[in-house]
């Protein structure tokens, strides 16, 4: 891997991780168009440690409060009706689907799922699903109204993002809107829900990132991996604050249009043979 590749991909990861546009899809597309090779699923997973570090820092007070109340609630029934205690369980249970599917389909995620025909198609298809959710969702529920079934549904939606192009944040925001949550409530739970899955995925991928998963996969040095992850952290932190402000006052249609345009561009490049699907 060249230094410019590592830096560019770190920037792309930071910019797109929290937007409903698929960071893994963008990493795959950027690699194909500008570097004519694939940085690999493991590289994406490890750089996500940077963006999740940004989540941990940005939501540090919330995470500490939820964790503390959840631990107290294990032995003290008096706090079990609180949102913080319940949120601890919502995050734990909601994280199970992506952990299970990620373990069962690890090989397919690192190989077949990264085919650009699939990435482009999922970008477009799930753009329309997001648009329908934005139009149909009543957005009358806040986190105070959140229930375990909501956590399970959004957890299943997060698991779909194992396919590049779906988008983890896009899937969870879409599910949240279908559940009539406000955009801000869905986004906040989405950020918390991502922490266990993304951190574990990144940690387990550390051993694979320096080994090529397939012919044509670029391999970073330790220094390049560190720099890309730090860049993703810095840009990701700014992206969190921006997205929370944005969704509080704007619809998600701009992301729908962007996904359709990008997916269409990738399909055109594939059909003309400008880039390879694998």
Protein backbone atom coordinates (compact mmCIF):
# COMPACT_ATOMS: atom_id res chain seq x y z
CA UNK A 1 0.00 0.00 0.00
CA UNK A 2 1.24 3.48 -0.84
CA UNK A 3 1.12 6.31 1.68
CA UNK A 4 -1.31 8.30 -0.46
CA UNK A 5 -3.63 5.28 -0.54
CA UNK A 6 -3.52 4.92 3.25
CA UNK A 7 -4.20 8.63 3.80
CA UNK A 8 -7.02 8.84 1.26
CA UNK A 9 -8.74 5.75 2.65
CA UNK A 10 -8.41 7.08 6.20
CA UNK A 11 -10.13 10.29 5.09
CA UNK A 12 -12.86 8.37 3.28
CA UNK A 13 -13.48 6.20 6.34
CA UNK A 14 -13.77 9.21 8.63
CA UNK A 15 -16.08 11.09 6.29
CA UNK A 16 -18.48 8.25 5.52
CA UNK A 17 -18.63 5.99 8.60
CA UNK A 18 -21.51 7.84 10.24
CA UNK A 19 -23.35 8.98 7.12
CA UNK A 20 -26.01 6.68 5.61
CA UNK A 21 -23.91 6.11 2.49
CA UNK A 22 -21.85 3.01 3.42
CA UNK A 23 -18.25 3.58 4.50
CA UNK A 24 -17.24 0.05 3.49
CA UNK A 25 -18.79 0.61 0.07
CA UNK A 26 -16.91 3.88 -0.31
CA UNK A 27 -13.64 2.26 0.75
CA UNK A 28 -14.16 -0.47 -1.84
CA UNK A 29 -15.13 1.97 -4.61
CA UNK A 30 -12.31 4.41 -3.82
CA UNK A 31 -9.77 1.60 -3.91
CA UNK A 32 -11.05 0.35 -7.26
CA UNK A 33 -11.30 3.72 -9.03
CA UNK A 34 -8.15 5.43 -7.79
CA UNK A 35 -5.81 2.59 -6.86
CA UNK A 36 -7.04 -0.29 -9.04
CA UNK A 37 -6.99 -2.78 -6.18
CA UNK A 38 -8.85 -3.59 -2.97
CA UNK A 39 -7.59 -2.53 0.45
CA UNK A 40 -9.61 -5.41 1.88
CA UNK A 41 -12.34 -5.86 4.47
CA UNK A 42 -9.80 -6.14 7.30
CA UNK A 43 -8.31 -2.72 6.49
CA UNK A 44 -11.79 -1.22 6.64
CA UNK A 45 -12.55 -2.96 9.93
CA UNK A 46 -9.36 -1.72 11.59
CA UNK A 47 -9.77 1.90 10.43
CA UNK A 48 -13.25 1.74 11.94
CA UNK A 49 -11.53 1.49 15.31
CA UNK A 50 -10.58 5.12 14.74
CA UNK A 51 -14.13 6.22 14.06
CA UNK A 52 -15.44 4.20 17.01
CA UNK A 53 -12.83 5.85 19.24
CA UNK A 54 -14.45 9.10 18.12
CA UNK A 55 -17.84 7.75 19.25
CA UNK A 56 -16.40 6.72 22.61
CA UNK A 57 -14.97 10.20 23.13
CA UNK A 58 -18.02 12.11 21.88
CA UNK A 59 -20.48 10.05 23.93
CA UNK A 60 -18.13 9.40 26.87
CA UNK A 61 -20.51 10.81 29.49
CA UNK A 62 -23.49 8.90 28.09
CA UNK A 63 -21.52 5.66 27.82
CA UNK A 64 -20.15 5.98 31.36
CA UNK A 65 -23.62 6.74 32.76
CA UNK A 66 -25.29 3.87 30.90
CA UNK A 67 -22.56 1.42 31.89
CA UNK A 68 -22.64 2.47 35.54
CA UNK A 69 -26.43 2.28 35.83
CA UNK A 70 -26.52 -1.05 33.97
CA UNK A 71 -23.98 -2.57 36.36
CA UNK A 72 -25.88 -1.23 39.37
CA UNK A 73 -29.13 -2.56 37.93
CA UNK A 74 -27.77 -6.10 37.79
CA UNK A 75 -28.16 -6.25 41.58
CA UNK A 76 -30.45 -3.29 42.36
CA UNK A 77 -34.00 -3.58 41.03
CA UNK A 78 -34.79 0.05 41.82
CA UNK A 79 -32.92 1.37 38.77
CA UNK A 80 -34.17 -1.17 36.25
CA UNK A 81 -36.96 1.05 35.01
CA UNK A 82 -34.51 3.81 34.06
CA UNK A 83 -33.68 4.48 30.41
CA UNK A 84 -29.94 4.10 31.04
CA UNK A 85 -30.35 0.59 32.45
CA UNK A 86 -32.65 -0.44 29.64
CA UNK A 87 -30.36 1.14 27.03
CA UNK A 88 -27.50 -1.04 28.26
CA UNK A 89 -29.56 -4.13 27.47
CA UNK A 90 -30.81 -2.68 24.18
CA UNK A 91 -27.23 -2.24 22.98
CA UNK A 92 -26.17 -5.71 24.15
CA UNK A 93 -29.11 -7.53 22.57
CA UNK A 94 -29.04 -5.36 19.44
CA UNK A 95 -25.39 -6.27 18.89
CA UNK A 96 -26.02 -10.01 18.75
CA UNK A 97 -27.22 -10.25 15.11
CA UNK A 98 -24.19 -8.59 13.53
CA UNK A 99 -21.85 -10.61 15.73
CA UNK A 100 -23.52 -13.89 14.77
CA UNK A 101 -23.76 -13.17 11.05
CA UNK A 102 -20.28 -11.70 10.96
CA UNK A 103 -18.86 -14.89 12.47
CA UNK A 104 -20.86 -17.23 10.25
CA UNK A 105 -20.20 -15.43 6.97
CA UNK A 106 -16.72 -14.01 7.55
CA UNK A 107 -15.23 -15.55 4.40
CA UNK A 108 -18.06 -14.36 2.15
CA UNK A 109 -17.88 -10.85 3.64
CA UNK A 110 -14.18 -10.64 2.81
CA UNK A 111 -14.57 -11.99 -0.72
CA UNK A 112 -17.87 -12.31 -2.63
CA UNK A 113 -19.64 -9.46 -0.80
CA UNK A 114 -17.00 -7.00 -2.04
CA UNK A 115 -17.95 -7.49 -5.69
CA UNK A 116 -18.64 -4.03 -7.08
CA UNK A 117 -21.75 -5.15 -8.95
CA UNK A 118 -23.25 -6.04 -5.58
CA UNK A 119 -21.96 -2.87 -3.90
CA UNK A 120 -23.43 -0.60 -6.58
CA UNK A 121 -26.75 -2.43 -6.58
CA UNK A 122 -27.15 -2.29 -2.80
CA UNK A 123 -26.28 1.42 -2.79
CA UNK A 124 -29.20 2.09 -5.13
CA UNK A 125 -31.73 -0.38 -3.72
CA UNK A 126 -31.27 0.67 -0.11
CA UNK A 127 -31.36 4.32 -1.14
CA UNK A 128 -34.98 3.81 -2.14
CA UNK A 129 -35.69 1.90 1.08
CA UNK A 130 -34.26 4.84 3.04
CA UNK A 131 -36.37 7.28 0.99
CA UNK A 132 -39.52 5.31 1.72
CA UNK A 133 -38.71 5.22 5.45
CA UNK A 134 -38.11 8.97 5.46
CA UNK A 135 -41.46 9.54 3.75
CA UNK A 136 -43.49 6.98 5.72
CA UNK A 137 -42.04 7.33 9.23
CA UNK A 138 -44.07 9.56 11.54
CA UNK A 139 -41.07 10.41 13.77
CA UNK A 140 -43.18 10.68 16.91
CA UNK A 141 -41.05 8.53 19.25
CA UNK A 142 -37.94 9.50 21.20
CA UNK A 143 -35.44 7.34 23.09
CA UNK A 144 -37.72 7.56 26.14
CA UNK A 145 -40.19 5.45 24.16
CA UNK A 146 -37.54 2.97 22.98
CA UNK A 147 -38.27 -0.71 23.65
CA UNK A 148 -36.42 -4.01 23.32
CA UNK A 149 -38.18 -4.88 20.05
CA UNK A 150 -36.82 -1.63 18.60
CA UNK A 151 -33.31 -2.65 19.60
CA UNK A 152 -33.71 -6.06 17.97
CA UNK A 153 -35.09 -4.63 14.73
CA UNK A 154 -32.33 -2.04 14.49
CA UNK A 155 -29.78 -4.70 15.40
CA UNK A 156 -30.94 -6.85 12.49
CA UNK A 157 -30.75 -3.80 10.23
CA UNK A 158 -27.19 -3.18 11.38
CA UNK A 159 -26.27 -6.77 10.50
CA UNK A 160 -27.31 -6.17 6.88
CA UNK A 161 -24.45 -3.66 6.65
CA UNK A 162 -22.00 -6.56 6.57
CA UNK A 163 -22.64 -6.24 2.82
CA UNK A 164 -20.71 -3.18 1.55
CA UNK A 165 -23.13 -0.69 0.06
CA UNK A 166 -25.95 -1.22 2.57
CA UNK A 167 -24.52 1.16 5.24
CA UNK A 168 -24.59 0.43 8.95
CA UNK A 169 -25.86 3.88 9.87
CA UNK A 170 -28.17 3.89 6.85
CA UNK A 171 -29.69 0.56 7.82
CA UNK A 172 -30.23 1.51 11.44
CA UNK A 173 -31.60 4.96 10.56
CA UNK A 174 -33.97 3.36 8.06
CA UNK A 175 -35.20 0.84 10.62
CA UNK A 176 -35.56 3.58 13.22
CA UNK A 177 -37.69 5.67 10.88
CA UNK A 178 -39.91 2.69 10.09
CA UNK A 179 -40.33 2.33 13.88
CA UNK A 180 -41.48 5.97 13.97
CA UNK A 181 -38.44 7.15 15.90
CA UNK A 182 -37.20 10.67 15.32
CA UNK A 183 -34.10 10.88 13.14
CA UNK A 184 -32.04 12.13 16.08
CA UNK A 185 -33.18 9.31 18.38
CA UNK A 186 -32.42 6.70 15.71
CA UNK A 187 -29.00 8.25 15.09
CA UNK A 188 -28.06 8.31 18.78
CA UNK A 189 -28.98 4.67 19.29
CA UNK A 190 -27.18 3.83 16.05
CA UNK A 191 -23.96 5.34 17.39
CA UNK A 192 -24.20 3.41 20.67
CA UNK A 193 -25.20 0.17 18.93
CA UNK A 194 -22.15 0.30 16.68
CA UNK A 195 -19.60 0.33 19.50
CA UNK A 196 -19.52 -3.39 20.48
CA UNK A 197 -19.74 -4.73 16.93
CA UNK A 198 -17.26 -2.38 15.29
CA UNK A 199 -14.70 -2.57 18.09
CA UNK A 200 -14.80 -6.37 18.16
CA UNK A 201 -14.62 -6.55 14.36
CA UNK A 202 -11.60 -4.25 14.31
CA UNK A 203 -9.80 -6.13 17.08
CA UNK A 204 -10.36 -9.51 15.44
CA UNK A 205 -9.21 -8.12 12.08
CA UNK A 206 -5.88 -6.85 13.41
CA UNK A 207 -4.23 -10.18 12.66
CA UNK A 208 -5.58 -10.30 9.10
CA UNK A 209 -4.95 -6.75 7.92
CA UNK A 210 -1.28 -7.33 7.13
CA UNK A 211 -1.99 -10.44 5.07
CA UNK A 212 -3.51 -10.19 1.56
CA UNK A 213 -6.97 -11.75 1.59
CA UNK A 214 -6.97 -12.23 -2.17
CA UNK A 215 -4.82 -11.52 -5.24
CA UNK A 216 -4.74 -7.79 -5.94
CA UNK A 217 -5.35 -6.78 -2.33
CA UNK A 218 -3.08 -4.02 -1.07
CA UNK A 219 -1.34 -4.56 2.28
CA UNK A 220 -0.52 -1.64 4.60
CA UNK A 221 2.49 -1.31 6.87
CA UNK A 222 1.93 -0.88 10.60
CA UNK A 223 2.71 2.84 10.30
CA UNK A 224 0.24 3.29 7.43
CA UNK A 225 -2.45 1.44 9.36
CA UNK A 226 -1.92 3.67 12.40
CA UNK A 227 -1.97 6.88 10.36
CA UNK A 228 -5.13 5.88 8.46
CA UNK A 229 -6.88 5.01 11.74
CA UNK A 230 -5.87 8.29 13.40
CA UNK A 231 -7.11 10.27 10.39
CA UNK A 232 -10.41 8.36 10.50
CA UNK A 233 -10.71 9.23 14.20
CA UNK A 234 -10.16 12.97 13.73
CA UNK A 235 -12.51 13.36 10.79
CA UNK A 236 -15.05 10.96 12.27
CA UNK A 237 -15.32 13.00 15.46
CA UNK A 238 -16.28 16.09 13.46
CA UNK A 239 -18.71 14.01 11.36
CA UNK A 240 -20.62 12.85 14.46
CA UNK A 241 -21.36 16.38 15.62
CA UNK A 242 -22.33 17.45 12.12
CA UNK A 243 -24.68 14.53 11.51
CA UNK A 244 -26.53 14.93 14.81
CA UNK A 245 -27.15 18.60 14.04
CA UNK A 246 -28.12 17.83 10.46
CA UNK A 247 -30.68 15.07 11.16
CA UNK A 248 -32.37 17.21 13.81
CA UNK A 249 -33.43 19.73 11.16
CA UNK A 250 -33.20 18.08 7.73
CA UNK A 251 -34.54 15.07 5.86
CA UNK A 252 -32.28 12.28 4.58
CA UNK A 253 -33.22 12.70 0.93
CA UNK A 254 -29.87 14.28 0.03
CA UNK A 255 -28.19 11.00 0.99
CA UNK A 256 -30.74 9.08 -1.08
CA UNK A 257 -29.86 11.10 -4.17
CA UNK A 258 -26.15 10.74 -3.49
CA UNK A 259 -26.38 6.95 -3.12
CA UNK A 260 -28.33 6.58 -6.36
CA UNK A 261 -25.87 8.81 -8.24
CA UNK A 262 -22.81 6.96 -6.89
CA UNK A 263 -24.32 3.52 -7.50
CA UNK A 264 -25.25 4.50 -11.06
CA UNK A 265 -21.73 5.82 -11.69
CA UNK A 266 -20.16 2.59 -10.47
CA UNK A 267 -22.51 0.51 -12.63
CA UNK A 268 -21.57 2.62 -15.67
CA UNK A 269 -17.85 2.17 -14.96
CA UNK A 270 -18.36 -1.59 -14.61
CA UNK A 271 -20.38 -1.88 -17.82
CA UNK A 272 -17.77 0.03 -19.81
CA UNK A 273 -14.96 -2.05 -18.35
CA UNK A 274 -13.30 1.01 -16.77
CA UNK A 275 -13.02 -0.78 -13.44
CA UNK A 276 -13.07 -4.43 -12.44
CA UNK A 277 -15.80 -5.84 -10.23
CA UNK A 278 -13.37 -7.91 -8.16
